[in-house]
Amino acid sequence: MDRVPFTLLEVVNRIHRRLFRLNDKIEYINRELRLVNAELSNHRSIDEDARRDAAVGNYIDREEAGRTAGDVRRFEKTAFYLKVRRAKLIKARDRLLDRLPD
């Protein structure tokens, strides 16, 4: 016996399940982004101190400043990619919301 095409209720239920999964992923990324931003703030502060020390210090201070600047760049890159991922998920969620019947 062939299956009857999906009913409207089945389609709506499937969309709702996908929406809940997307919302969970968006919330997870938001939590990760808060942690990364807090860590980035700490690394920026450390980097500022290291740059000041390098301006008046020796070669070791300059090497340390280079490493702290790398840490800042790495966390900025991570935050950027989390924001991109979140934007894609939000766009997918909006498309699903548009598919829901009125």
PDB file of N, CA and C in Angstrom:
ATOM      1  N   MET A   1       0.843  -1.183   0.000  1.00  0.00           N
ATOM      2  CA  MET A   1       0.000   0.000   0.000  1.00  0.00           C
ATOM      3  C   MET A   1       0.887   1.245   0.000  1.00  0.00           C
ATOM      4  N   ASP A   2       0.621   2.155  -0.900  1.00  0.00           N
ATOM      5  CA  ASP A   2       1.403   3.381  -0.993  1.00  0.00           C
ATOM      6  C   ASP A   2       1.015   4.351   0.100  1.00  0.00           C
ATOM      7  N   ARG A   3       2.007   5.047   0.563  1.00  0.00           N
ATOM      8  CA  ARG A   3       1.783   6.047   1.619  1.00  0.00           C
ATOM      9  C   ARG A   3       1.147   7.280   1.003  1.00  0.00           C
ATOM     10  N   VAL A   4       0.163   7.805   1.693  1.00  0.00           N
ATOM     11  CA  VAL A   4      -0.503   9.030   1.268  1.00  0.00           C
ATOM     12  C   VAL A   4       0.485  10.182   1.479  1.00  0.00           C
ATOM     13  N   PRO A   5       0.532  11.175   0.609  1.00  0.00           N
ATOM     14  CA  PRO A   5       1.436  12.314   0.807  1.00  0.00           C
ATOM     15  C   PRO A   5       1.237  12.939   2.182  1.00  0.00           C
ATOM     16  N   PHE A   6       2.274  13.598   2.616  1.00  0.00           N
ATOM     17  CA  PHE A   6       2.254  14.203   3.944  1.00  0.00           C
ATOM     18  C   PHE A   6       1.040  15.102   4.131  1.00  0.00           C
ATOM     19  N   THR A   7       0.472  15.020   5.308  1.00  0.00           N
ATOM     20  CA  THR A   7      -0.621  15.931   5.644  1.00  0.00           C
ATOM     21  C   THR A   7      -0.014  17.236   6.126  1.00  0.00           C
ATOM     22  N   LEU A   8      -0.835  18.238   6.179  1.00  0.00           N
ATOM     23  CA  LEU A   8      -0.377  19.549   6.638  1.00  0.00           C
ATOM     24  C   LEU A   8       0.146  19.459   8.063  1.00  0.00           C
ATOM     25  N   LEU A   9      -0.502  18.676   8.901  1.00  0.00           N
ATOM     26  CA  LEU A   9      -0.065  18.540  10.286  1.00  0.00           C
ATOM     27  C   LEU A   9       1.317  17.911  10.372  1.00  0.00           C
ATOM     28  N   GLU A  10       1.578  16.916   9.547  1.00  0.00           N
ATOM     29  CA  GLU A  10       2.908  16.281   9.543  1.00  0.00           C
ATOM     30  C   GLU A  10       3.985  17.269   9.100  1.00  0.00           C
ATOM     31  N   VAL A  11       3.671  18.057   8.098  1.00  0.00           N
ATOM     32  CA  VAL A  11       4.635  19.054   7.607  1.00  0.00           C
ATOM     33  C   VAL A  11       4.914  20.093   8.688  1.00  0.00           C
ATOM     34  N   VAL A  12       3.865  20.569   9.341  1.00  0.00           N
ATOM     35  CA  VAL A  12       4.020  21.574  10.396  1.00  0.00           C
ATOM     36  C   VAL A  12       4.819  20.990  11.563  1.00  0.00           C
ATOM     37  N   ASN A  13       4.525  19.754  11.941  1.00  0.00           N
ATOM     38  CA  ASN A  13       5.277  19.126  13.034  1.00  0.00           C
ATOM     39  C   ASN A  13       6.757  19.001  12.686  1.00  0.00           C
ATOM     40  N   ARG A  14       7.050  18.645  11.463  1.00  0.00           N
ATOM     41  CA  ARG A  14       8.443  18.515  11.046  1.00  0.00           C
ATOM     42  C   ARG A  14       9.143  19.881  11.074  1.00  0.00           C
ATOM     43  N   ILE A  15       8.451  20.908  10.615  1.00  0.00           N
ATOM     44  CA  ILE A  15       9.022  22.260  10.648  1.00  0.00           C
ATOM     45  C   ILE A  15       9.274  22.680  12.089  1.00  0.00           C
ATOM     46  N   HIS A  16       8.322  22.385  12.968  1.00  0.00           N
ATOM     47  CA  HIS A  16       8.508  22.744  14.385  1.00  0.00           C
ATOM     48  C   HIS A  16       9.721  22.044  14.984  1.00  0.00           C
ATOM     49  N   ARG A  17       9.904  20.769  14.680  1.00  0.00           N
ATOM     50  CA  ARG A  17      11.070  20.034  15.190  1.00  0.00           C
ATOM     51  C   ARG A  17      12.365  20.664  14.679  1.00  0.00           C
ATOM     52  N   ARG A  18      12.383  21.012  13.413  1.00  0.00           N
ATOM     53  CA  ARG A  18      13.579  21.646  12.845  1.00  0.00           C
ATOM     54  C   ARG A  18      13.824  23.015  13.469  1.00  0.00           C
ATOM     55  N   LEU A  19      12.740  23.752  13.720  1.00  0.00           N
ATOM     56  CA  LEU A  19      12.884  25.059  14.364  1.00  0.00           C
ATOM     57  C   LEU A  19      13.479  24.919  15.769  1.00  0.00           C
ATOM     58  N   PHE A  20      13.011  23.943  16.527  1.00  0.00           N
ATOM     59  CA  PHE A  20      13.551  23.731  17.869  1.00  0.00           C
ATOM     60  C   PHE A  20      15.034  23.373  17.805  1.00  0.00           C
ATOM     61  N   ARG A  21      15.409  22.528  16.862  1.00  0.00           N
ATOM     62  CA  ARG A  21      16.832  22.171  16.715  1.00  0.00           C
ATOM     63  C   ARG A  21      17.668  23.393  16.340  1.00  0.00           C
ATOM     64  N   LEU A  22      17.157  24.202  15.418  1.00  0.00           N
ATOM     65  CA  LEU A  22      17.879  25.409  15.030  1.00  0.00           C
ATOM     66  C   LEU A  22      18.005  26.380  16.202  1.00  0.00           C
ATOM     67  N   ASN A  23      16.930  26.552  16.948  1.00  0.00           N
ATOM     68  CA  ASN A  23      16.989  27.441  18.113  1.00  0.00           C
ATOM     69  C   ASN A  23      17.998  26.939  19.144  1.00  0.00           C
ATOM     70  N   ASP A  24      18.072  25.628  19.333  1.00  0.00           N
ATOM     71  CA  ASP A  24      19.062  25.064  20.251  1.00  0.00           C
ATOM     72  C   ASP A  24      20.476  25.346  19.765  1.00  0.00           C
ATOM     73  N   LYS A  25      20.713  25.184  18.469  1.00  0.00           N
ATOM     74  CA  LYS A  25      22.039  25.456  17.915  1.00  0.00           C
ATOM     75  C   LYS A  25      22.400  26.938  18.039  1.00  0.00           C
ATOM     76  N   ILE A  26      21.423  27.807  17.778  1.00  0.00           N
ATOM     77  CA  ILE A  26      21.661  29.254  17.894  1.00  0.00           C
ATOM     78  C   ILE A  26      21.993  29.607  19.336  1.00  0.00           C
ATOM     79  N   GLU A  27      21.269  29.043  20.278  1.00  0.00           N
ATOM     80  CA  GLU A  27      21.542  29.314  21.691  1.00  0.00           C
ATOM     81  C   GLU A  27      22.921  28.803  22.096  1.00  0.00           C
ATOM     82  N   TYR A  28      23.302  27.639  21.602  1.00  0.00           N
ATOM     83  CA  TYR A  28      24.634  27.093  21.894  1.00  0.00           C
ATOM     84  C   TYR A  28      25.723  28.032  21.361  1.00  0.00           C
ATOM     85  N   ILE A  29      25.543  28.522  20.149  1.00  0.00           N
ATOM     86  CA  ILE A  29      26.519  29.442  19.567  1.00  0.00           C
ATOM     87  C   ILE A  29      26.554  30.743  20.356  1.00  0.00           C
ATOM     88  N   ASN A  30      25.407  31.226  20.807  1.00  0.00           N
ATOM     89  CA  ASN A  30      25.380  32.443  21.624  1.00  0.00           C
ATOM     90  C   ASN A  30      26.177  32.256  22.912  1.00  0.00           C
ATOM     91  N   ARG A  31      26.029  31.081  23.546  1.00  0.00           N
ATOM     92  CA  ARG A  31      26.808  30.807  24.766  1.00  0.00           C
ATOM     93  C   ARG A  31      28.294  30.758  24.458  1.00  0.00           C
ATOM     94  N   GLU A  32      28.649  30.081  23.369  1.00  0.00           N
ATOM     95  CA  GLU A  32      30.062  30.003  22.970  1.00  0.00           C
ATOM     96  C   GLU A  32      30.608  31.396  22.655  1.00  0.00           C
ATOM     97  N   LEU A  33      29.811  32.206  21.994  1.00  0.00           N
ATOM     98  CA  LEU A  33      30.241  33.557  21.631  1.00  0.00           C
ATOM     99  C   LEU A  33      30.471  34.415  22.874  1.00  0.00           C
ATOM    100  N   ARG A  34      29.611  34.269  23.877  1.00  0.00           N
ATOM    101  CA  ARG A  34      29.821  35.012  25.126  1.00  0.00           C
ATOM    102  C   ARG A  34      31.139  34.606  25.778  1.00  0.00           C
ATOM    103  N   LEU A  35      31.438  33.308  25.783  1.00  0.00           N
ATOM    104  CA  LEU A  35      32.694  32.833  26.366  1.00  0.00           C
ATOM    105  C   LEU A  35      33.900  33.334  25.569  1.00  0.00           C
ATOM    106  N   VAL A  36      33.809  33.258  24.261  1.00  0.00           N
ATOM    107  CA  VAL A  36      34.914  33.707  23.415  1.00  0.00           C
ATOM    108  C   VAL A  36      35.136  35.207  23.584  1.00  0.00           C
ATOM    109  N   ASN A  37      34.056  35.983  23.645  1.00  0.00           N
ATOM    110  CA  ASN A  37      34.191  37.433  23.818  1.00  0.00           C
ATOM    111  C   ASN A  37      34.801  37.783  25.179  1.00  0.00           C
ATOM    112  N   ALA A  38      34.434  37.037  26.210  1.00  0.00           N
ATOM    113  CA  ALA A  38      35.034  37.275  27.531  1.00  0.00           C
ATOM    114  C   ALA A  38      36.527  36.953  27.491  1.00  0.00           C
ATOM    115  N   GLU A  39      36.866  35.856  26.862  1.00  0.00           N
ATOM    116  CA  GLU A  39      38.268  35.462  26.733  1.00  0.00           C
ATOM    117  C   GLU A  39      39.027  36.477  25.869  1.00  0.00           C
ATOM    118  N   LEU A  40      38.392  36.947  24.815  1.00  0.00           N
ATOM    119  CA  LEU A  40      39.003  37.946  23.943  1.00  0.00           C
ATOM    120  C   LEU A  40      39.293  39.228  24.711  1.00  0.00           C
ATOM    121  N   SER A  41      38.372  39.635  25.542  1.00  0.00           N
ATOM    122  CA  SER A  41      38.580  40.833  26.356  1.00  0.00           C
ATOM    123  C   SER A  41      39.804  40.670  27.257  1.00  0.00           C
ATOM    124  N   ASN A  42      39.941  39.506  27.870  1.00  0.00           N
ATOM    125  CA  ASN A  42      41.107  39.250  28.718  1.00  0.00           C
ATOM    126  C   ASN A  42      42.397  39.277  27.905  1.00  0.00           C
ATOM    127  N   HIS A  43      42.383  38.645  26.745  1.00  0.00           N
ATOM    128  CA  HIS A  43      43.587  38.612  25.914  1.00  0.00           C
ATOM    129  C   HIS A  43      43.940  39.988  25.369  1.00  0.00           C
ATOM    130  N   ARG A  44      42.947  40.810  25.087  1.00  0.00           N
ATOM    131  CA  ARG A  44      43.237  42.184  24.640  1.00  0.00           C
ATOM    132  C   ARG A  44      43.920  42.972  25.751  1.00  0.00           C
ATOM    133  N   SER A  45      43.454  42.801  26.966  1.00  0.00           N
ATOM    134  CA  SER A  45      44.071  43.484  28.099  1.00  0.00           C
ATOM    135  C   SER A  45      45.523  43.035  28.278  1.00  0.00           C
ATOM    136  N   ILE A  46      45.751  41.737  28.198  1.00  0.00           N
ATOM    137  CA  ILE A  46      47.109  41.200  28.315  1.00  0.00           C
ATOM    138  C   ILE A  46      47.974  41.717  27.170  1.00  0.00           C
ATOM    139  N   ASP A  47      47.404  41.759  25.967  1.00  0.00           N
ATOM    140  CA  ASP A  47      48.141  42.239  24.798  1.00  0.00           C
ATOM    141  C   ASP A  47      48.539  43.699  24.956  1.00  0.00           C
ATOM    142  N   GLU A  48      47.631  44.532  25.467  1.00  0.00           N
ATOM    143  CA  GLU A  48      47.956  45.946  25.689  1.00  0.00           C
ATOM    144  C   GLU A  48      49.126  46.079  26.662  1.00  0.00           C
ATOM    145  N   ASP A  49      49.089  45.307  27.744  1.00  0.00           N
ATOM    146  CA  ASP A  49      50.197  45.348  28.710  1.00  0.00           C
ATOM    147  C   ASP A  49      51.496  44.884  28.065  1.00  0.00           C
ATOM    148  N   ALA A  50      51.429  43.821  27.272  1.00  0.00           N
ATOM    149  CA  ALA A  50      52.633  43.287  26.627  1.00  0.00           C
ATOM    150  C   ALA A  50      53.207  44.289  25.626  1.00  0.00           C
ATOM    151  N   ARG A  51      52.345  44.997  24.924  1.00  0.00           N
ATOM    152  CA  ARG A  51      52.829  46.007  23.968  1.00  0.00           C
ATOM    153  C   ARG A  51      53.511  47.162  24.683  1.00  0.00           C
ATOM    154  N   ARG A  52      52.943  47.572  25.807  1.00  0.00           N
ATOM    155  CA  ARG A  52      53.576  48.640  26.585  1.00  0.00           C
ATOM    156  C   ARG A  52      54.941  48.188  27.098  1.00  0.00           C
ATOM    157  N   ASP A  53      55.000  46.962  27.599  1.00  0.00           N
ATOM    158  CA  ASP A  53      56.270  46.429  28.088  1.00  0.00           C
ATOM    159  C   ASP A  53      57.289  46.328  26.955  1.00  0.00           C
ATOM    160  N   ALA A  54      56.831  45.931  25.765  1.00  0.00           N
ATOM    161  CA  ALA A  54      57.740  45.783  24.627  1.00  0.00           C
ATOM    162  C   ALA A  54      58.309  47.131  24.187  1.00  0.00           C
ATOM    163  N   ALA A  55      57.517  48.178  24.355  1.00  0.00           N
ATOM    164  CA  ALA A  55      57.974  49.508  23.937  1.00  0.00           C
ATOM    165  C   ALA A  55      59.155  49.981  24.779  1.00  0.00           C
ATOM    166  N   VAL A  56      59.221  49.554  26.024  1.00  0.00           N
ATOM    167  CA  VAL A  56      60.300  50.011  26.898  1.00  0.00           C
ATOM    168  C   VAL A  56      61.223  48.871  27.338  1.00  0.00           C
ATOM    169  N   GLY A  57      60.899  47.651  26.932  1.00  0.00           N
ATOM    170  CA  GLY A  57      61.647  46.491  27.403  1.00  0.00           C
ATOM    171  C   GLY A  57      62.658  45.976  26.410  1.00  0.00           C
ATOM    172  N   ASN A  58      62.989  44.719  26.574  1.00  0.00           N
ATOM    173  CA  ASN A  58      63.996  44.064  25.740  1.00  0.00           C
ATOM    174  C   ASN A  58      63.344  43.131  24.724  1.00  0.00           C
ATOM    175  N   TYR A  59      64.156  42.323  24.058  1.00  0.00           N
ATOM    176  CA  TYR A  59      63.654  41.450  22.993  1.00  0.00           C
ATOM    177  C   TYR A  59      62.662  40.406  23.515  1.00  0.00           C
ATOM    178  N   ILE A  60      62.816  39.972  24.749  1.00  0.00           N
ATOM    179  CA  ILE A  60      61.885  38.991  25.315  1.00  0.00           C
ATOM    180  C   ILE A  60      60.483  39.591  25.417  1.00  0.00           C
ATOM    181  N   ASP A  61      60.425  40.846  25.828  1.00  0.00           N
ATOM    182  CA  ASP A  61      59.121  41.523  25.902  1.00  0.00           C
ATOM    183  C   ASP A  61      58.497  41.660  24.516  1.00  0.00           C
ATOM    184  N   ARG A  62      59.319  41.915  23.517  1.00  0.00           N
ATOM    185  CA  ARG A  62      58.792  42.038  22.146  1.00  0.00           C
ATOM    186  C   ARG A  62      58.269  40.689  21.641  1.00  0.00           C
ATOM    187  N   GLU A  63      58.966  39.616  21.983  1.00  0.00           N
ATOM    188  CA  GLU A  63      58.499  38.279  21.594  1.00  0.00           C
ATOM    189  C   GLU A  63      57.165  37.961  22.271  1.00  0.00           C
ATOM    190  N   GLU A  64      57.084  38.303  23.541  1.00  0.00           N
ATOM    191  CA  GLU A  64      55.836  38.066  24.281  1.00  0.00           C
ATOM    192  C   GLU A  64      54.687  38.875  23.667  1.00  0.00           C
ATOM    193  N   ALA A  65      54.968  40.108  23.275  1.00  0.00           N
ATOM    194  CA  ALA A  65      53.942  40.945  22.640  1.00  0.00           C
ATOM    195  C   ALA A  65      53.463  40.308  21.339  1.00  0.00           C
ATOM    196  N   GLY A  66      54.371  39.714  20.595  1.00  0.00           N
ATOM    197  CA  GLY A  66      53.984  39.037  19.359  1.00  0.00           C
ATOM    198  C   GLY A  66      53.079  37.850  19.626  1.00  0.00           C
ATOM    199  N   ARG A  67      53.368  37.101  20.689  1.00  0.00           N
ATOM    200  CA  ARG A  67      52.524  35.943  21.025  1.00  0.00           C
ATOM    201  C   ARG A  67      51.143  36.383  21.503  1.00  0.00           C
ATOM    202  N   THR A  68      51.100  37.436  22.310  1.00  0.00           N
ATOM    203  CA  THR A  68      49.786  37.877  22.796  1.00  0.00           C
ATOM    204  C   THR A  68      48.945  38.455  21.665  1.00  0.00           C
ATOM    205  N   ALA A  69      49.597  39.117  20.708  1.00  0.00           N
ATOM    206  CA  ALA A  69      48.860  39.637  19.550  1.00  0.00           C
ATOM    207  C   ALA A  69      48.279  38.483  18.741  1.00  0.00           C
ATOM    208  N   GLY A  70      49.020  37.384  18.654  1.00  0.00           N
ATOM    209  CA  GLY A  70      48.515  36.198  17.957  1.00  0.00           C
ATOM    210  C   GLY A  70      47.304  35.600  18.652  1.00  0.00           C
ATOM    211  N   ASP A  71      47.335  35.604  19.978  1.00  0.00           N
ATOM    212  CA  ASP A  71      46.182  35.108  20.740  1.00  0.00           C
ATOM    213  C   ASP A  71      44.947  35.953  20.455  1.00  0.00           C
ATOM    214  N   VAL A  72      45.135  37.271  20.431  1.00  0.00           N
ATOM    215  CA  VAL A  72      43.997  38.172  20.158  1.00  0.00           C
ATOM    216  C   VAL A  72      43.433  37.889  18.770  1.00  0.00           C
ATOM    217  N   ARG A  73      44.315  37.761  17.768  1.00  0.00           N
ATOM    218  CA  ARG A  73      43.844  37.478  16.404  1.00  0.00           C
ATOM    219  C   ARG A  73      43.082  36.154  16.346  1.00  0.00           C
ATOM    220  N   ARG A  74      43.584  35.161  17.054  1.00  0.00           N
ATOM    221  CA  ARG A  74      42.934  33.846  17.037  1.00  0.00           C
ATOM    222  C   ARG A  74      41.521  33.933  17.634  1.00  0.00           C
ATOM    223  N   PHE A  75      41.368  34.641  18.746  1.00  0.00           N
ATOM    224  CA  PHE A  75      40.044  34.759  19.355  1.00  0.00           C
ATOM    225  C   PHE A  75      39.117  35.639  18.521  1.00  0.00           C
ATOM    226  N   GLU A  76      39.660  36.674  17.873  1.00  0.00           N
ATOM    227  CA  GLU A  76      38.835  37.494  16.978  1.00  0.00           C
ATOM    228  C   GLU A  76      38.324  36.657  15.808  1.00  0.00           C
ATOM    229  N   LYS A  77      39.185  35.811  15.269  1.00  0.00           N
ATOM    230  CA  LYS A  77      38.791  34.939  14.164  1.00  0.00           C
ATOM    231  C   LYS A  77      37.712  33.959  14.609  1.00  0.00           C
ATOM    232  N   THR A  78      37.872  33.385  15.792  1.00  0.00           N
ATOM    233  CA  THR A  78      36.871  32.455  16.316  1.00  0.00           C
ATOM    234  C   THR A  78      35.525  33.151  16.496  1.00  0.00           C
ATOM    235  N   ALA A  79      35.552  34.364  17.066  1.00  0.00           N
ATOM    236  CA  ALA A  79      34.310  35.118  17.268  1.00  0.00           C
ATOM    237  C   ALA A  79      33.650  35.433  15.928  1.00  0.00           C
ATOM    238  N   PHE A  80      34.461  35.793  14.935  1.00  0.00           N
ATOM    239  CA  PHE A  80      33.925  36.109  13.610  1.00  0.00           C
ATOM    240  C   PHE A  80      33.202  34.896  13.019  1.00  0.00           C
ATOM    241  N   TYR A  81      33.850  33.737  13.065  1.00  0.00           N
ATOM    242  CA  TYR A  81      33.237  32.540  12.471  1.00  0.00           C
ATOM    243  C   TYR A  81      32.000  32.084  13.239  1.00  0.00           C
ATOM    244  N   LEU A  82      31.984  32.293  14.545  1.00  0.00           N
ATOM    245  CA  LEU A  82      30.767  31.988  15.310  1.00  0.00           C
ATOM    246  C   LEU A  82      29.622  32.899  14.882  1.00  0.00           C
ATOM    247  N   LYS A  83      29.924  34.172  14.647  1.00  0.00           N
ATOM    248  CA  LYS A  83      28.889  35.112  14.199  1.00  0.00           C
ATOM    249  C   LYS A  83      28.368  34.744  12.816  1.00  0.00           C
ATOM    250  N   VAL A  84      29.274  34.321  11.937  1.00  0.00           N
ATOM    251  CA  VAL A  84      28.861  33.901  10.594  1.00  0.00           C
ATOM    252  C   VAL A  84      27.955  32.682  10.692  1.00  0.00           C
ATOM    253  N   ARG A  85      28.353  31.713  11.499  1.00  0.00           N
ATOM    254  CA  ARG A  85      27.554  30.488  11.665  1.00  0.00           C
ATOM    255  C   ARG A  85      26.177  30.819  12.242  1.00  0.00           C
ATOM    256  N   ARG A  86      26.156  31.709  13.246  1.00  0.00           N
ATOM    257  CA  ARG A  86      24.878  32.107  13.850  1.00  0.00           C
ATOM    258  C   ARG A  86      23.985  32.785  12.816  1.00  0.00           C
ATOM    259  N   ALA A  87      24.556  33.656  11.985  1.00  0.00           N
ATOM    260  CA  ALA A  87      23.768  34.351  10.957  1.00  0.00           C
ATOM    261  C   ALA A  87      23.155  33.354   9.973  1.00  0.00           C
ATOM    262  N   LYS A  88      23.920  32.330   9.593  1.00  0.00           N
ATOM    263  CA  LYS A  88      23.389  31.308   8.677  1.00  0.00           C
ATOM    264  C   LYS A  88      22.247  30.537   9.325  1.00  0.00           C
ATOM    265  N   LEU A  89      22.401  30.203  10.595  1.00  0.00           N
ATOM    266  CA  LEU A  89      21.335  29.475  11.290  1.00  0.00           C
ATOM    267  C   LEU A  89      20.083  30.334  11.437  1.00  0.00           C
ATOM    268  N   ILE A  90      20.263  31.604  11.717  1.00  0.00           N
ATOM    269  CA  ILE A  90      19.121  32.510  11.845  1.00  0.00           C
ATOM    270  C   ILE A  90      18.405  32.651  10.504  1.00  0.00           C
ATOM    271  N   LYS A  91      19.181  32.708   9.431  1.00  0.00           N
ATOM    272  CA  LYS A  91      18.583  32.795   8.094  1.00  0.00           C
ATOM    273  C   LYS A  91      17.778  31.526   7.791  1.00  0.00           C
ATOM    274  N   ALA A  92      18.329  30.377   8.135  1.00  0.00           N
ATOM    275  CA  ALA A  92      17.615  29.111   7.917  1.00  0.00           C
ATOM    276  C   ALA A  92      16.339  29.073   8.758  1.00  0.00           C
ATOM    277  N   ARG A  93      16.434  29.560  10.001  1.00  0.00           N
ATOM    278  CA  ARG A  93      15.252  29.596  10.866  1.00  0.00           C
ATOM    279  C   ARG A  93      14.182  30.509  10.283  1.00  0.00           C
ATOM    280  N   ASP A  94      14.589  31.654   9.771  1.00  0.00           N
ATOM    281  CA  ASP A  94      13.621  32.587   9.184  1.00  0.00           C
ATOM    282  C   ASP A  94      12.931  31.988   7.965  1.00  0.00           C
ATOM    283  N   ARG A  95      13.707  31.238   7.165  1.00  0.00           N
ATOM    284  CA  ARG A  95      13.093  30.578   6.002  1.00  0.00           C
ATOM    285  C   ARG A  95      12.054  29.552   6.448  1.00  0.00           C
ATOM    286  N   LEU A  96      12.363  28.815   7.507  1.00  0.00           N
ATOM    287  CA  LEU A  96      11.390  27.831   8.025  1.00  0.00           C
ATOM    288  C   LEU A  96      10.151  28.530   8.569  1.00  0.00           C
ATOM    289  N   LEU A  97      10.357  29.629   9.264  1.00  0.00           N
ATOM    290  CA  LEU A  97       9.200  30.369   9.798  1.00  0.00           C
ATOM    291  C   LEU A  97       8.293  30.848   8.679  1.00  0.00           C
ATOM    292  N   ASP A  98       8.894  31.226   7.559  1.00  0.00           N
ATOM    293  CA  ASP A  98       8.098  31.677   6.416  1.00  0.00           C
ATOM    294  C   ASP A  98       7.277  30.546   5.810  1.00  0.00           C
ATOM    295  N   ARG A  99       7.730  29.294   6.004  1.00  0.00           N
ATOM    296  CA  ARG A  99       7.013  28.146   5.451  1.00  0.00           C
ATOM    297  C   ARG A  99       5.821  27.714   6.304  1.00  0.00           C
ATOM    298  N   LEU A 100       5.747  28.203   7.534  1.00  0.00           N
ATOM    299  CA  LEU A 100       4.620  27.833   8.403  1.00  0.00           C
ATOM    300  C   LEU A 100       3.339  28.463   7.877  1.00  0.00           C
ATOM    301  N   PRO A 101       2.261  27.698   7.901  1.00  0.00           N
ATOM    302  CA  PRO A 101       0.994  28.284   7.457  1.00  0.00           C
ATOM    303  C   PRO A 101       0.491  29.316   8.475  1.00  0.00           C
ATOM    304  N   ASP A 102      -0.270  30.255   7.974  1.00  0.00           N
ATOM    305  CA  ASP A 102      -0.808  31.308   8.854  1.00  0.00           C
ATOM    306  C   ASP A 102      -1.965  30.839   9.677  1.00  0.00           C
TER     307      ASP A 102
END
